[in-house]
Amino acid sequence: MYKELSSGIKISITRSISTSFEAYLASIDWDEERFSMEDFIASWQTYFQENAAWIEKIPADTLMSTEFHEEMAQKIDEVIAKILNEEPTAKQIATIEALQKELGTNYSYDCKAEAAYIEQLLKEKRK
């Protein structure tokens, strides 16, 4: 069912998952111990209901389908894995290292999205 959706809708779904996942992680300060898949899913549902036009473009019978829900769960897992496995850029690493040296902090980060969060956090601390 998911595969039958237009590429534009699939891209929008992926973007909504990515955006809401990163926002959810920022809301818990990227603290793995505070992570709850149920809380993230609730956060994503709120996000797409308030911000995503794609939900209105999918037929109601598809949205209610167990098969569609299973495919969406798989898509969520894929998007999360991609986010968590994307390496920080050399520029991010250099910027974070310089900021940490300047501020005397020692934050760790494992992926590009978390590095973006840490970089923003450090820039805010610097102000």
PDB file of N, CA and C in Angstrom:
ATOM      1  N   MET A   1       0.814  -1.187   0.000  1.00  0.00           N
ATOM      2  CA  MET A   1       0.000   0.000   0.000  1.00  0.00           C
ATOM      3  C   MET A   1       0.864   1.261   0.000  1.00  0.00           C
ATOM      4  N   TYR A   2       1.878   1.279   0.849  1.00  0.00           N
ATOM      5  CA  TYR A   2       2.783   2.425   0.895  1.00  0.00           C
ATOM      6  C   TYR A   2       3.457   2.601  -0.452  1.00  0.00           C
ATOM      7  N   LYS A   3       3.876   1.496  -1.055  1.00  0.00           N
ATOM      8  CA  LYS A   3       4.576   1.547  -2.337  1.00  0.00           C
ATOM      9  C   LYS A   3       3.717   2.141  -3.438  1.00  0.00           C
ATOM     10  N   GLU A   4       2.406   2.062  -3.282  1.00  0.00           N
ATOM     11  CA  GLU A   4       1.486   2.568  -4.294  1.00  0.00           C
ATOM     12  C   GLU A   4       1.282   4.086  -4.206  1.00  0.00           C
ATOM     13  N   LEU A   5       1.751   4.696  -3.144  1.00  0.00           N
ATOM     14  CA  LEU A   5       1.607   6.139  -2.997  1.00  0.00           C
ATOM     15  C   LEU A   5       2.522   6.866  -3.975  1.00  0.00           C
ATOM     16  N   SER A   6       2.168   8.093  -4.315  1.00  0.00           N
ATOM     17  CA  SER A   6       3.018   8.873  -5.217  1.00  0.00           C
ATOM     18  C   SER A   6       4.349   9.174  -4.535  1.00  0.00           C
ATOM     19  N   SER A   7       5.356   9.435  -5.350  1.00  0.00           N
ATOM     20  CA  SER A   7       6.680   9.723  -4.772  1.00  0.00           C
ATOM     21  C   SER A   7       6.634  10.980  -3.916  1.00  0.00           C
ATOM     22  N   GLY A   8       5.817  11.961  -4.298  1.00  0.00           N
ATOM     23  CA  GLY A   8       5.700  13.184  -3.508  1.00  0.00           C
ATOM     24  C   GLY A   8       5.157  12.921  -2.117  1.00  0.00           C
ATOM     25  N   ILE A   9       4.149  12.072  -2.022  1.00  0.00           N
ATOM     26  CA  ILE A   9       3.582  11.727  -0.713  1.00  0.00           C
ATOM     27  C   ILE A   9       4.601  10.959   0.111  1.00  0.00           C
ATOM     28  N   LYS A  10       5.309  10.026  -0.522  1.00  0.00           N
ATOM     29  CA  LYS A  10       6.315   9.251   0.213  1.00  0.00           C
ATOM     30  C   LYS A  10       7.436  10.154   0.732  1.00  0.00           C
ATOM     31  N   ILE A  11       7.846  11.114  -0.090  1.00  0.00           N
ATOM     32  CA  ILE A  11       8.877  12.059   0.349  1.00  0.00           C
ATOM     33  C   ILE A  11       8.359  12.890   1.519  1.00  0.00           C
ATOM     34  N   SER A  12       7.116  13.324   1.439  1.00  0.00           N
ATOM     35  CA  SER A  12       6.524  14.111   2.529  1.00  0.00           C
ATOM     36  C   SER A  12       6.419  13.307   3.817  1.00  0.00           C
ATOM     37  N   ILE A  13       6.064  12.045   3.699  1.00  0.00           N
ATOM     38  CA  ILE A  13       5.984  11.178   4.880  1.00  0.00           C
ATOM     39  C   ILE A  13       7.364  11.042   5.507  1.00  0.00           C
ATOM     40  N   THR A  14       8.363  10.764   4.681  1.00  0.00           N
ATOM     41  CA  THR A  14       9.730  10.611   5.175  1.00  0.00           C
ATOM     42  C   THR A  14      10.196  11.893   5.858  1.00  0.00           C
ATOM     43  N   ARG A  15       9.920  13.028   5.235  1.00  0.00           N
ATOM     44  CA  ARG A  15      10.323  14.315   5.809  1.00  0.00           C
ATOM     45  C   ARG A  15       9.628  14.545   7.153  1.00  0.00           C
ATOM     46  N   SER A  16       8.346  14.176   7.251  1.00  0.00           N
ATOM     47  CA  SER A  16       7.627  14.384   8.516  1.00  0.00           C
ATOM     48  C   SER A  16       8.195  13.492   9.618  1.00  0.00           C
ATOM     49  N   ILE A  17       8.582  12.282   9.258  1.00  0.00           N
ATOM     50  CA  ILE A  17       9.198  11.391  10.246  1.00  0.00           C
ATOM     51  C   ILE A  17      10.531  11.975  10.714  1.00  0.00           C
ATOM     52  N   SER A  18      11.372  12.380   9.765  1.00  0.00           N
ATOM     53  CA  SER A  18      12.691  12.939  10.097  1.00  0.00           C
ATOM     54  C   SER A  18      12.581  14.185  10.959  1.00  0.00           C
ATOM     55  N   THR A  19      11.745  15.110  10.531  1.00  0.00           N
ATOM     56  CA  THR A  19      11.591  16.371  11.244  1.00  0.00           C
ATOM     57  C   THR A  19      11.084  16.140  12.659  1.00  0.00           C
ATOM     58  N   SER A  20      10.058  15.320  12.785  1.00  0.00           N
ATOM     59  CA  SER A  20       9.491  15.103  14.120  1.00  0.00           C
ATOM     60  C   SER A  20      10.421  14.270  14.999  1.00  0.00           C
ATOM     61  N   PHE A  21      11.184  13.340  14.412  1.00  0.00           N
ATOM     62  CA  PHE A  21      12.134  12.548  15.192  1.00  0.00           C
ATOM     63  C   PHE A  21      13.226  13.447  15.766  1.00  0.00           C
ATOM     64  N   GLU A  22      13.784  14.300  14.925  1.00  0.00           N
ATOM     65  CA  GLU A  22      14.833  15.194  15.394  1.00  0.00           C
ATOM     66  C   GLU A  22      14.294  16.191  16.423  1.00  0.00           C
ATOM     67  N   ALA A  23      13.081  16.682  16.217  1.00  0.00           N
ATOM     68  CA  ALA A  23      12.469  17.598  17.197  1.00  0.00           C
ATOM     69  C   ALA A  23      12.199  16.880  18.512  1.00  0.00           C
ATOM     70  N   TYR A  24      11.733  15.633  18.434  1.00  0.00           N
ATOM     71  CA  TYR A  24      11.483  14.863  19.655  1.00  0.00           C
ATOM     72  C   TYR A  24      12.792  14.649  20.413  1.00  0.00           C
ATOM     73  N   LEU A  25      13.840  14.249  19.701  1.00  0.00           N
ATOM     74  CA  LEU A  25      15.128  14.032  20.372  1.00  0.00           C
ATOM     75  C   LEU A  25      15.663  15.321  20.989  1.00  0.00           C
ATOM     76  N   ALA A  26      15.481  16.429  20.308  1.00  0.00           N
ATOM     77  CA  ALA A  26      15.901  17.712  20.881  1.00  0.00           C
ATOM     78  C   ALA A  26      15.111  18.004  22.157  1.00  0.00           C
ATOM     79  N   SER A  27      13.832  17.642  22.162  1.00  0.00           N
ATOM     80  CA  SER A  27      12.995  17.913  23.341  1.00  0.00           C
ATOM     81  C   SER A  27      13.424  17.099  24.554  1.00  0.00           C
ATOM     82  N   ILE A  28      14.130  15.994  24.324  1.00  0.00           N
ATOM     83  CA  ILE A  28      14.647  15.182  25.439  1.00  0.00           C
ATOM     84  C   ILE A  28      16.167  15.299  25.534  1.00  0.00           C
ATOM     85  N   ASP A  29      16.708  16.347  24.899  1.00  0.00           N
ATOM     86  CA  ASP A  29      18.155  16.626  24.918  1.00  0.00           C
ATOM     87  C   ASP A  29      19.000  15.446  24.428  1.00  0.00           C
ATOM     88  N   TRP A  30      18.469  14.714  23.462  1.00  0.00           N
ATOM     89  CA  TRP A  30      19.161  13.562  22.887  1.00  0.00           C
ATOM     90  C   TRP A  30      19.596  12.559  23.971  1.00  0.00           C
ATOM     91  N   ASP A  31      18.820  12.450  25.011  1.00  0.00           N
ATOM     92  CA  ASP A  31      19.109  11.550  26.126  1.00  0.00           C
ATOM     93  C   ASP A  31      18.472  10.184  25.848  1.00  0.00           C
ATOM     94  N   GLU A  32      19.310   9.203  25.533  1.00  0.00           N
ATOM     95  CA  GLU A  32      18.828   7.861  25.186  1.00  0.00           C
ATOM     96  C   GLU A  32      17.965   7.246  26.280  1.00  0.00           C
ATOM     97  N   GLU A  33      18.270   7.552  27.510  1.00  0.00           N
ATOM     98  CA  GLU A  33      17.521   6.976  28.629  1.00  0.00           C
ATOM     99  C   GLU A  33      16.103   7.525  28.712  1.00  0.00           C
ATOM    100  N   ARG A  34      15.889   8.702  28.179  1.00  0.00           N
ATOM    101  CA  ARG A  34      14.561   9.319  28.198  1.00  0.00           C
ATOM    102  C   ARG A  34      13.742   8.975  26.959  1.00  0.00           C
ATOM    103  N   PHE A  35      14.364   8.309  25.981  1.00  0.00           N
ATOM    104  CA  PHE A  35      13.673   7.992  24.727  1.00  0.00           C
ATOM    105  C   PHE A  35      12.561   6.973  24.944  1.00  0.00           C
ATOM    106  N   SER A  36      11.430   7.260  24.349  1.00  0.00           N
ATOM    107  CA  SER A  36      10.292   6.345  24.359  1.00  0.00           C
ATOM    108  C   SER A  36       9.702   6.317  22.952  1.00  0.00           C
ATOM    109  N   MET A  37       9.660   5.137  22.341  1.00  0.00           N
ATOM    110  CA  MET A  37       9.103   5.023  20.995  1.00  0.00           C
ATOM    111  C   MET A  37       7.642   5.463  20.994  1.00  0.00           C
ATOM    112  N   GLU A  38       6.918   5.149  22.051  1.00  0.00           N
ATOM    113  CA  GLU A  38       5.511   5.546  22.135  1.00  0.00           C
ATOM    114  C   GLU A  38       5.384   7.069  22.156  1.00  0.00           C
ATOM    115  N   ASP A  39       6.257   7.730  22.915  1.00  0.00           N
ATOM    116  CA  ASP A  39       6.224   9.191  22.970  1.00  0.00           C
ATOM    117  C   ASP A  39       6.591   9.792  21.624  1.00  0.00           C
ATOM    118  N   PHE A  40       7.583   9.194  20.958  1.00  0.00           N
ATOM    119  CA  PHE A  40       7.954   9.698  19.632  1.00  0.00           C
ATOM    120  C   PHE A  40       6.791   9.544  18.662  1.00  0.00           C
ATOM    121  N   ILE A  41       6.158   8.386  18.639  1.00  0.00           N
ATOM    122  CA  ILE A  41       5.037   8.161  17.718  1.00  0.00           C
ATOM    123  C   ILE A  41       3.919   9.163  17.991  1.00  0.00           C
ATOM    124  N   ALA A  42       3.635   9.415  19.254  1.00  0.00           N
ATOM    125  CA  ALA A  42       2.608  10.408  19.602  1.00  0.00           C
ATOM    126  C   ALA A  42       3.029  11.794  19.095  1.00  0.00           C
ATOM    127  N   SER A  43       4.297  12.114  19.234  1.00  0.00           N
ATOM    128  CA  SER A  43       4.831  13.390  18.771  1.00  0.00           C
ATOM    129  C   SER A  43       4.714  13.488  17.251  1.00  0.00           C
ATOM    130  N   TRP A  44       5.051  12.412  16.554  1.00  0.00           N
ATOM    131  CA  TRP A  44       4.964  12.391  15.094  1.00  0.00           C
ATOM    132  C   TRP A  44       3.514  12.538  14.649  1.00  0.00           C
ATOM    133  N   GLN A  45       2.604  11.843  15.303  1.00  0.00           N
ATOM    134  CA  GLN A  45       1.190  11.947  14.940  1.00  0.00           C
ATOM    135  C   GLN A  45       0.687  13.377  15.111  1.00  0.00           C
ATOM    136  N   THR A  46       1.057  14.010  16.196  1.00  0.00           N
ATOM    137  CA  THR A  46       0.671  15.410  16.406  1.00  0.00           C
ATOM    138  C   THR A  46       1.261  16.275  15.302  1.00  0.00           C
ATOM    139  N   TYR A  47       2.525  16.033  14.978  1.00  0.00           N
ATOM    140  CA  TYR A  47       3.194  16.816  13.937  1.00  0.00           C
ATOM    141  C   TYR A  47       2.471  16.681  12.600  1.00  0.00           C
ATOM    142  N   PHE A  48       2.217  15.449  12.164  1.00  0.00           N
ATOM    143  CA  PHE A  48       1.630  15.327  10.831  1.00  0.00           C
ATOM    144  C   PHE A  48       0.172  15.758  10.800  1.00  0.00           C
ATOM    145  N   GLN A  49      -0.528  15.644  11.893  1.00  0.00           N
ATOM    146  CA  GLN A  49      -1.913  16.108  11.911  1.00  0.00           C
ATOM    147  C   GLN A  49      -1.997  17.632  11.843  1.00  0.00           C
ATOM    148  N   GLU A  50      -1.018  18.296  12.429  1.00  0.00           N
ATOM    149  CA  GLU A  50      -1.020  19.762  12.445  1.00  0.00           C
ATOM    150  C   GLU A  50      -0.285  20.389  11.263  1.00  0.00           C
ATOM    151  N   ASN A  51       0.687  19.679  10.699  1.00  0.00           N
ATOM    152  CA  ASN A  51       1.572  20.298   9.711  1.00  0.00           C
ATOM    153  C   ASN A  51       1.653  19.626   8.348  1.00  0.00           C
ATOM    154  N   ALA A  52       1.151  18.431   8.208  1.00  0.00           N
ATOM    155  CA  ALA A  52       1.394  17.680   6.976  1.00  0.00           C
ATOM    156  C   ALA A  52       0.150  17.585   6.099  1.00  0.00           C
ATOM    157  N   ALA A  53       0.306  18.000   4.851  1.00  0.00           N
ATOM    158  CA  ALA A  53      -0.796  17.925   3.902  1.00  0.00           C
ATOM    159  C   ALA A  53      -0.962  16.507   3.346  1.00  0.00           C
ATOM    160  N   TRP A  54       0.075  15.683   3.471  1.00  0.00           N
ATOM    161  CA  TRP A  54       0.001  14.346   2.866  1.00  0.00           C
ATOM    162  C   TRP A  54      -1.088  13.479   3.471  1.00  0.00           C
ATOM    163  N   ILE A  55      -1.409  13.676   4.725  1.00  0.00           N
ATOM    164  CA  ILE A  55      -2.406  12.834   5.395  1.00  0.00           C
ATOM    165  C   ILE A  55      -3.760  12.929   4.690  1.00  0.00           C
ATOM    166  N   GLU A  56      -4.069  14.091   4.165  1.00  0.00           N
ATOM    167  CA  GLU A  56      -5.344  14.303   3.481  1.00  0.00           C
ATOM    168  C   GLU A  56      -5.374  13.695   2.088  1.00  0.00           C
ATOM    169  N   LYS A  57      -4.221  13.339   1.561  1.00  0.00           N
ATOM    170  CA  LYS A  57      -4.127  12.802   0.204  1.00  0.00           C
ATOM    171  C   LYS A  57      -4.154  11.275   0.166  1.00  0.00           C
ATOM    172  N   ILE A  58      -4.193  10.658   1.333  1.00  0.00           N
ATOM    173  CA  ILE A  58      -4.225   9.194   1.410  1.00  0.00           C
ATOM    174  C   ILE A  58      -5.654   8.770   1.712  1.00  0.00           C
ATOM    175  N   PRO A  59      -6.196   7.835   0.914  1.00  0.00           N
ATOM    176  CA  PRO A  59      -7.575   7.395   1.149  1.00  0.00           C
ATOM    177  C   PRO A  59      -7.770   6.841   2.568  1.00  0.00           C
ATOM    178  N   ALA A  60      -8.935   7.098   3.131  1.00  0.00           N
ATOM    179  CA  ALA A  60      -9.242   6.677   4.504  1.00  0.00           C
ATOM    180  C   ALA A  60      -9.083   5.176   4.681  1.00  0.00           C
ATOM    181  N   ASP A  61      -9.494   4.381   3.680  1.00  0.00           N
ATOM    182  CA  ASP A  61      -9.374   2.927   3.812  1.00  0.00           C
ATOM    183  C   ASP A  61      -7.914   2.495   3.885  1.00  0.00           C
ATOM    184  N   THR A  62      -7.037   3.219   3.202  1.00  0.00           N
ATOM    185  CA  THR A  62      -5.604   2.926   3.284  1.00  0.00           C
ATOM    186  C   THR A  62      -5.085   3.281   4.677  1.00  0.00           C
ATOM    187  N   LEU A  63      -5.460   4.464   5.163  1.00  0.00           N
ATOM    188  CA  LEU A  63      -5.006   4.901   6.485  1.00  0.00           C
ATOM    189  C   LEU A  63      -5.443   3.943   7.593  1.00  0.00           C
ATOM    190  N   MET A  64      -6.568   3.300   7.438  1.00  0.00           N
ATOM    191  CA  MET A  64      -7.097   2.405   8.465  1.00  0.00           C
ATOM    192  C   MET A  64      -6.566   0.974   8.339  1.00  0.00           C
ATOM    193  N   SER A  65      -5.882   0.699   7.257  1.00  0.00           N
ATOM    194  CA  SER A  65      -5.418  -0.655   6.955  1.00  0.00           C
ATOM    195  C   SER A  65      -4.271  -1.102   7.865  1.00  0.00           C
ATOM    196  N   THR A  66      -4.363  -2.313   8.360  1.00  0.00           N
ATOM    197  CA  THR A  66      -3.294  -2.906   9.169  1.00  0.00           C
ATOM    198  C   THR A  66      -2.011  -3.004   8.359  1.00  0.00           C
ATOM    199  N   GLU A  67      -2.143  -3.385   7.105  1.00  0.00           N
ATOM    200  CA  GLU A  67      -0.974  -3.512   6.229  1.00  0.00           C
ATOM    201  C   GLU A  67      -0.253  -2.164   6.104  1.00  0.00           C
ATOM    202  N   PHE A  68      -1.010  -1.087   5.931  1.00  0.00           N
ATOM    203  CA  PHE A  68      -0.418   0.244   5.822  1.00  0.00           C
ATOM    204  C   PHE A  68       0.301   0.621   7.109  1.00  0.00           C
ATOM    205  N   HIS A  69      -0.299   0.311   8.244  1.00  0.00           N
ATOM    206  CA  HIS A  69       0.327   0.612   9.541  1.00  0.00           C
ATOM    207  C   HIS A  69       1.637  -0.157   9.704  1.00  0.00           C
ATOM    208  N   GLU A  70       1.659  -1.399   9.264  1.00  0.00           N
ATOM    209  CA  GLU A  70       2.892  -2.195   9.340  1.00  0.00           C
ATOM    210  C   GLU A  70       3.964  -1.601   8.439  1.00  0.00           C
ATOM    211  N   GLU A  71       3.557  -1.179   7.235  1.00  0.00           N
ATOM    212  CA  GLU A  71       4.512  -0.571   6.311  1.00  0.00           C
ATOM    213  C   GLU A  71       5.040   0.760   6.862  1.00  0.00           C
ATOM    214  N   MET A  72       4.168   1.507   7.514  1.00  0.00           N
ATOM    215  CA  MET A  72       4.604   2.770   8.115  1.00  0.00           C
ATOM    216  C   MET A  72       5.574   2.522   9.273  1.00  0.00           C
ATOM    217  N   ALA A  73       5.321   1.504  10.057  1.00  0.00           N
ATOM    218  CA  ALA A  73       6.240   1.160  11.151  1.00  0.00           C
ATOM    219  C   ALA A  73       7.619   0.824  10.588  1.00  0.00           C
ATOM    220  N   GLN A  74       7.635   0.082   9.491  1.00  0.00           N
ATOM    221  CA  GLN A  74       8.904  -0.260   8.845  1.00  0.00           C
ATOM    222  C   GLN A  74       9.586   1.005   8.318  1.00  0.00           C
ATOM    223  N   LYS A  75       8.809   1.895   7.720  1.00  0.00           N
ATOM    224  CA  LYS A  75       9.370   3.147   7.197  1.00  0.00           C
ATOM    225  C   LYS A  75       9.956   3.991   8.329  1.00  0.00           C
ATOM    226  N   ILE A  76       9.253   4.058   9.447  1.00  0.00           N
ATOM    227  CA  ILE A  76       9.751   4.802  10.606  1.00  0.00           C
ATOM    228  C   ILE A  76      11.088   4.226  11.057  1.00  0.00           C
ATOM    229  N   ASP A  77      11.170   2.894  11.154  1.00  0.00           N
ATOM    230  CA  ASP A  77      12.429   2.244  11.550  1.00  0.00           C
ATOM    231  C   ASP A  77      13.557   2.583  10.577  1.00  0.00           C
ATOM    232  N   GLU A  78      13.259   2.568   9.270  1.00  0.00           N
ATOM    233  CA  GLU A  78      14.267   2.870   8.259  1.00  0.00           C
ATOM    234  C   GLU A  78      14.762   4.314   8.381  1.00  0.00           C
ATOM    235  N   VAL A  79      13.838   5.242   8.553  1.00  0.00           N
ATOM    236  CA  VAL A  79      14.200   6.663   8.650  1.00  0.00           C
ATOM    237  C   VAL A  79      15.039   6.906   9.905  1.00  0.00           C
ATOM    238  N   ILE A  80      14.630   6.328  11.018  1.00  0.00           N
ATOM    239  CA  ILE A  80      15.387   6.480  12.263  1.00  0.00           C
ATOM    240  C   ILE A  80      16.796   5.909  12.110  1.00  0.00           C
ATOM    241  N   ALA A  81      16.893   4.724  11.524  1.00  0.00           N
ATOM    242  CA  ALA A  81      18.215   4.110  11.330  1.00  0.00           C
ATOM    243  C   ALA A  81      19.102   4.990  10.458  1.00  0.00           C
ATOM    244  N   LYS A  82      18.523   5.553   9.405  1.00  0.00           N
ATOM    245  CA  LYS A  82      19.307   6.418   8.517  1.00  0.00           C
ATOM    246  C   LYS A  82      19.807   7.649   9.271  1.00  0.00           C
ATOM    247  N   ILE A  83      18.938   8.262  10.058  1.00  0.00           N
ATOM    248  CA  ILE A  83      19.338   9.449  10.826  1.00  0.00           C
ATOM    249  C   ILE A  83      20.457   9.098  11.798  1.00  0.00           C
ATOM    250  N   LEU A  84      20.290   8.016  12.534  1.00  0.00           N
ATOM    251  CA  LEU A  84      21.253   7.651  13.577  1.00  0.00           C
ATOM    252  C   LEU A  84      22.582   7.146  13.020  1.00  0.00           C
ATOM    253  N   ASN A  85      22.598   6.741  11.753  1.00  0.00           N
ATOM    254  CA  ASN A  85      23.820   6.203  11.165  1.00  0.00           C
ATOM    255  C   ASN A  85      24.555   7.192  10.258  1.00  0.00           C
ATOM    256  N   GLU A  86      23.992   8.387  10.083  1.00  0.00           N
ATOM    257  CA  GLU A  86      24.648   9.375   9.237  1.00  0.00           C
ATOM    258  C   GLU A  86      25.745  10.079  10.039  1.00  0.00           C
ATOM    259  N   GLU A  87      26.965   9.984   9.547  1.00  0.00           N
ATOM    260  CA  GLU A  87      28.128  10.529  10.238  1.00  0.00           C
ATOM    261  C   GLU A  87      28.103  12.060  10.269  1.00  0.00           C
ATOM    262  N   PRO A  88      28.591  12.653  11.354  1.00  0.00           N
ATOM    263  CA  PRO A  88      28.725  14.117  11.390  1.00  0.00           C
ATOM    264  C   PRO A  88      29.685  14.562  10.293  1.00  0.00           C
ATOM    265  N   THR A  89      29.481  15.760   9.784  1.00  0.00           N
ATOM    266  CA  THR A  89      30.374  16.270   8.750  1.00  0.00           C
ATOM    267  C   THR A  89      31.672  16.767   9.393  1.00  0.00           C
ATOM    268  N   ALA A  90      32.689  16.872   8.569  1.00  0.00           N
ATOM    269  CA  ALA A  90      33.975  17.393   9.058  1.00  0.00           C
ATOM    270  C   ALA A  90      33.799  18.818   9.583  1.00  0.00           C
ATOM    271  N   LYS A  91      32.969  19.602   8.921  1.00  0.00           N
ATOM    272  CA  LYS A  91      32.715  20.980   9.362  1.00  0.00           C
ATOM    273  C   LYS A  91      32.029  20.985  10.729  1.00  0.00           C
ATOM    274  N   GLN A  92      31.051  20.122  10.922  1.00  0.00           N
ATOM    275  CA  GLN A  92      30.380  20.045  12.224  1.00  0.00           C
ATOM    276  C   GLN A  92      31.374  19.690  13.324  1.00  0.00           C
ATOM    277  N   ILE A  93      32.189  18.686  13.055  1.00  0.00           N
ATOM    278  CA  ILE A  93      33.168  18.232  14.044  1.00  0.00           C
ATOM    279  C   ILE A  93      34.120  19.370  14.409  1.00  0.00           C
ATOM    280  N   ALA A  94      34.630  20.063  13.397  1.00  0.00           N
ATOM    281  CA  ALA A  94      35.569  21.167  13.651  1.00  0.00           C
ATOM    282  C   ALA A  94      34.898  22.289  14.447  1.00  0.00           C
ATOM    283  N   THR A  95      33.682  22.633  14.070  1.00  0.00           N
ATOM    284  CA  THR A  95      32.965  23.703  14.771  1.00  0.00           C
ATOM    285  C   THR A  95      32.697  23.317  16.213  1.00  0.00           C
ATOM    286  N   ILE A  96      32.219  22.102  16.430  1.00  0.00           N
ATOM    287  CA  ILE A  96      31.915  21.638  17.788  1.00  0.00           C
ATOM    288  C   ILE A  96      33.183  21.589  18.632  1.00  0.00           C
ATOM    289  N   GLU A  97      34.260  21.063  18.078  1.00  0.00           N
ATOM    290  CA  GLU A  97      35.514  20.999  18.825  1.00  0.00           C
ATOM    291  C   GLU A  97      35.982  22.390  19.232  1.00  0.00           C
ATOM    292  N   ALA A  98      35.896  23.350  18.318  1.00  0.00           N
ATOM    293  CA  ALA A  98      36.319  24.722  18.623  1.00  0.00           C
ATOM    294  C   ALA A  98      35.427  25.331  19.710  1.00  0.00           C
ATOM    295  N   LEU A  99      34.120  25.139  19.583  1.00  0.00           N
ATOM    296  CA  LEU A  99      33.194  25.678  20.583  1.00  0.00           C
ATOM    297  C   LEU A  99      33.403  25.025  21.949  1.00  0.00           C
ATOM    298  N   GLN A 100      33.629  23.720  21.948  1.00  0.00           N
ATOM    299  CA  GLN A 100      33.832  23.025  23.222  1.00  0.00           C
ATOM    300  C   GLN A 100      35.127  23.490  23.894  1.00  0.00           C
ATOM    301  N   LYS A 101      36.137  23.699  23.097  1.00  0.00           N
ATOM    302  CA  LYS A 101      37.398  24.196  23.660  1.00  0.00           C
ATOM    303  C   LYS A 101      37.189  25.584  24.262  1.00  0.00           C
ATOM    304  N   GLU A 102      36.482  26.424  23.534  1.00  0.00           N
ATOM    305  CA  GLU A 102      36.210  27.788  23.994  1.00  0.00           C
ATOM    306  C   GLU A 102      35.351  27.801  25.260  1.00  0.00           C
ATOM    307  N   LEU A 103      34.351  26.915  25.318  1.00  0.00           N
ATOM    308  CA  LEU A 103      33.399  26.910  26.429  1.00  0.00           C
ATOM    309  C   LEU A 103      33.760  25.945  27.561  1.00  0.00           C
ATOM    310  N   GLY A 104      34.759  25.109  27.331  1.00  0.00           N
ATOM    311  CA  GLY A 104      35.159  24.145  28.352  1.00  0.00           C
ATOM    312  C   GLY A 104      34.135  23.034  28.569  1.00  0.00           C
ATOM    313  N   THR A 105      33.468  22.637  27.496  1.00  0.00           N
ATOM    314  CA  THR A 105      32.468  21.563  27.593  1.00  0.00           C
ATOM    315  C   THR A 105      33.003  20.292  26.955  1.00  0.00           C
ATOM    316  N   ASN A 106      32.284  19.198  27.163  1.00  0.00           N
ATOM    317  CA  ASN A 106      32.717  17.919  26.612  1.00  0.00           C
ATOM    318  C   ASN A 106      31.504  17.082  26.187  1.00  0.00           C
ATOM    319  N   TYR A 107      30.686  17.639  25.322  1.00  0.00           N
ATOM    320  CA  TYR A 107      29.518  16.906  24.820  1.00  0.00           C
ATOM    321  C   TYR A 107      29.966  15.865  23.800  1.00  0.00           C
ATOM    322  N   SER A 108      29.308  14.729  23.841  1.00  0.00           N
ATOM    323  CA  SER A 108      29.570  13.716  22.821  1.00  0.00           C
ATOM    324  C   SER A 108      28.382  13.671  21.864  1.00  0.00           C
ATOM    325  N   TYR A 109      28.617  13.183  20.686  1.00  0.00           N
ATOM    326  CA  TYR A 109      27.583  13.083  19.657  1.00  0.00           C
ATOM    327  C   TYR A 109      27.973  11.959  18.713  1.00  0.00           C
ATOM    328  N   ASP A 110      26.972  11.289  18.187  1.00  0.00           N
ATOM    329  CA  ASP A 110      27.254  10.106  17.382  1.00  0.00           C
ATOM    330  C   ASP A 110      26.813  10.197  15.928  1.00  0.00           C
ATOM    331  N   CYS A 111      25.965  11.166  15.605  1.00  0.00           N
ATOM    332  CA  CYS A 111      25.462  11.249  14.238  1.00  0.00           C
ATOM    333  C   CYS A 111      25.338  12.703  13.825  1.00  0.00           C
ATOM    334  N   LYS A 112      25.077  12.916  12.556  1.00  0.00           N
ATOM    335  CA  LYS A 112      24.987  14.267  12.000  1.00  0.00           C
ATOM    336  C   LYS A 112      23.884  15.077  12.673  1.00  0.00           C
ATOM    337  N   ALA A 113      22.721  14.473  12.887  1.00  0.00           N
ATOM    338  CA  ALA A 113      21.602  15.194  13.502  1.00  0.00           C
ATOM    339  C   ALA A 113      21.913  15.585  14.944  1.00  0.00           C
ATOM    340  N   GLU A 114      22.539  14.680  15.680  1.00  0.00           N
ATOM    341  CA  GLU A 114      22.899  15.006  17.060  1.00  0.00           C
ATOM    342  C   GLU A 114      23.989  16.077  17.073  1.00  0.00           C
ATOM    343  N   ALA A 115      24.916  16.008  16.131  1.00  0.00           N
ATOM    344  CA  ALA A 115      25.955  17.033  16.040  1.00  0.00           C
ATOM    345  C   ALA A 115      25.328  18.396  15.765  1.00  0.00           C
ATOM    346  N   ALA A 116      24.317  18.447  14.916  1.00  0.00           N
ATOM    347  CA  ALA A 116      23.629  19.708  14.638  1.00  0.00           C
ATOM    348  C   ALA A 116      22.990  20.249  15.918  1.00  0.00           C
ATOM    349  N   TYR A 117      22.398  19.361  16.705  1.00  0.00           N
ATOM    350  CA  TYR A 117      21.793  19.759  17.974  1.00  0.00           C
ATOM    351  C   TYR A 117      22.860  20.306  18.938  1.00  0.00           C
ATOM    352  N   ILE A 118      23.972  19.587  19.070  1.00  0.00           N
ATOM    353  CA  ILE A 118      25.056  20.009  19.974  1.00  0.00           C
ATOM    354  C   ILE A 118      25.659  21.328  19.507  1.00  0.00           C
ATOM    355  N   GLU A 119      25.852  21.461  18.204  1.00  0.00           N
ATOM    356  CA  GLU A 119      26.408  22.707  17.672  1.00  0.00           C
ATOM    357  C   GLU A 119      25.497  23.886  18.008  1.00  0.00           C
ATOM    358  N   GLN A 120      24.204  23.725  17.828  1.00  0.00           N
ATOM    359  CA  GLN A 120      23.257  24.794  18.148  1.00  0.00           C
ATOM    360  C   GLN A 120      23.258  25.091  19.656  1.00  0.00           C
ATOM    361  N   LEU A 121      23.304  24.038  20.459  1.00  0.00           N
ATOM    362  CA  LEU A 121      23.340  24.197  21.915  1.00  0.00           C
ATOM    363  C   LEU A 121      24.562  25.004  22.343  1.00  0.00           C
ATOM    364  N   LEU A 122      25.699  24.659  21.769  1.00  0.00           N
ATOM    365  CA  LEU A 122      26.935  25.365  22.108  1.00  0.00           C
ATOM    366  C   LEU A 122      26.905  26.815  21.649  1.00  0.00           C
ATOM    367  N   LYS A 123      26.339  27.055  20.491  1.00  0.00           N
ATOM    368  CA  LYS A 123      26.240  28.429  20.000  1.00  0.00           C
ATOM    369  C   LYS A 123      25.335  29.253  20.910  1.00  0.00           C
ATOM    370  N   GLU A 124      24.283  28.643  21.414  1.00  0.00           N
ATOM    371  CA  GLU A 124      23.385  29.336  22.359  1.00  0.00           C
ATOM    372  C   GLU A 124      24.120  29.640  23.673  1.00  0.00           C
ATOM    373  N   LYS A 125      24.920  28.679  24.144  1.00  0.00           N
ATOM    374  CA  LYS A 125      25.677  28.876  25.397  1.00  0.00           C
ATOM    375  C   LYS A 125      26.685  30.001  25.244  1.00  0.00           C
ATOM    376  N   ARG A 126      27.186  30.142  24.060  1.00  0.00           N
ATOM    377  CA  ARG A 126      28.224  31.125  23.772  1.00  0.00           C
ATOM    378  C   ARG A 126      27.681  32.552  23.834  1.00  0.00           C
ATOM    379  N   LYS A 127      26.395  32.731  23.540  1.00  0.00           N
ATOM    380  CA  LYS A 127      25.779  34.075  23.496  1.00  0.00           C
ATOM    381  C   LYS A 127      25.721  34.752  24.830  1.00  0.00           C
TER     382      LYS A 127
END
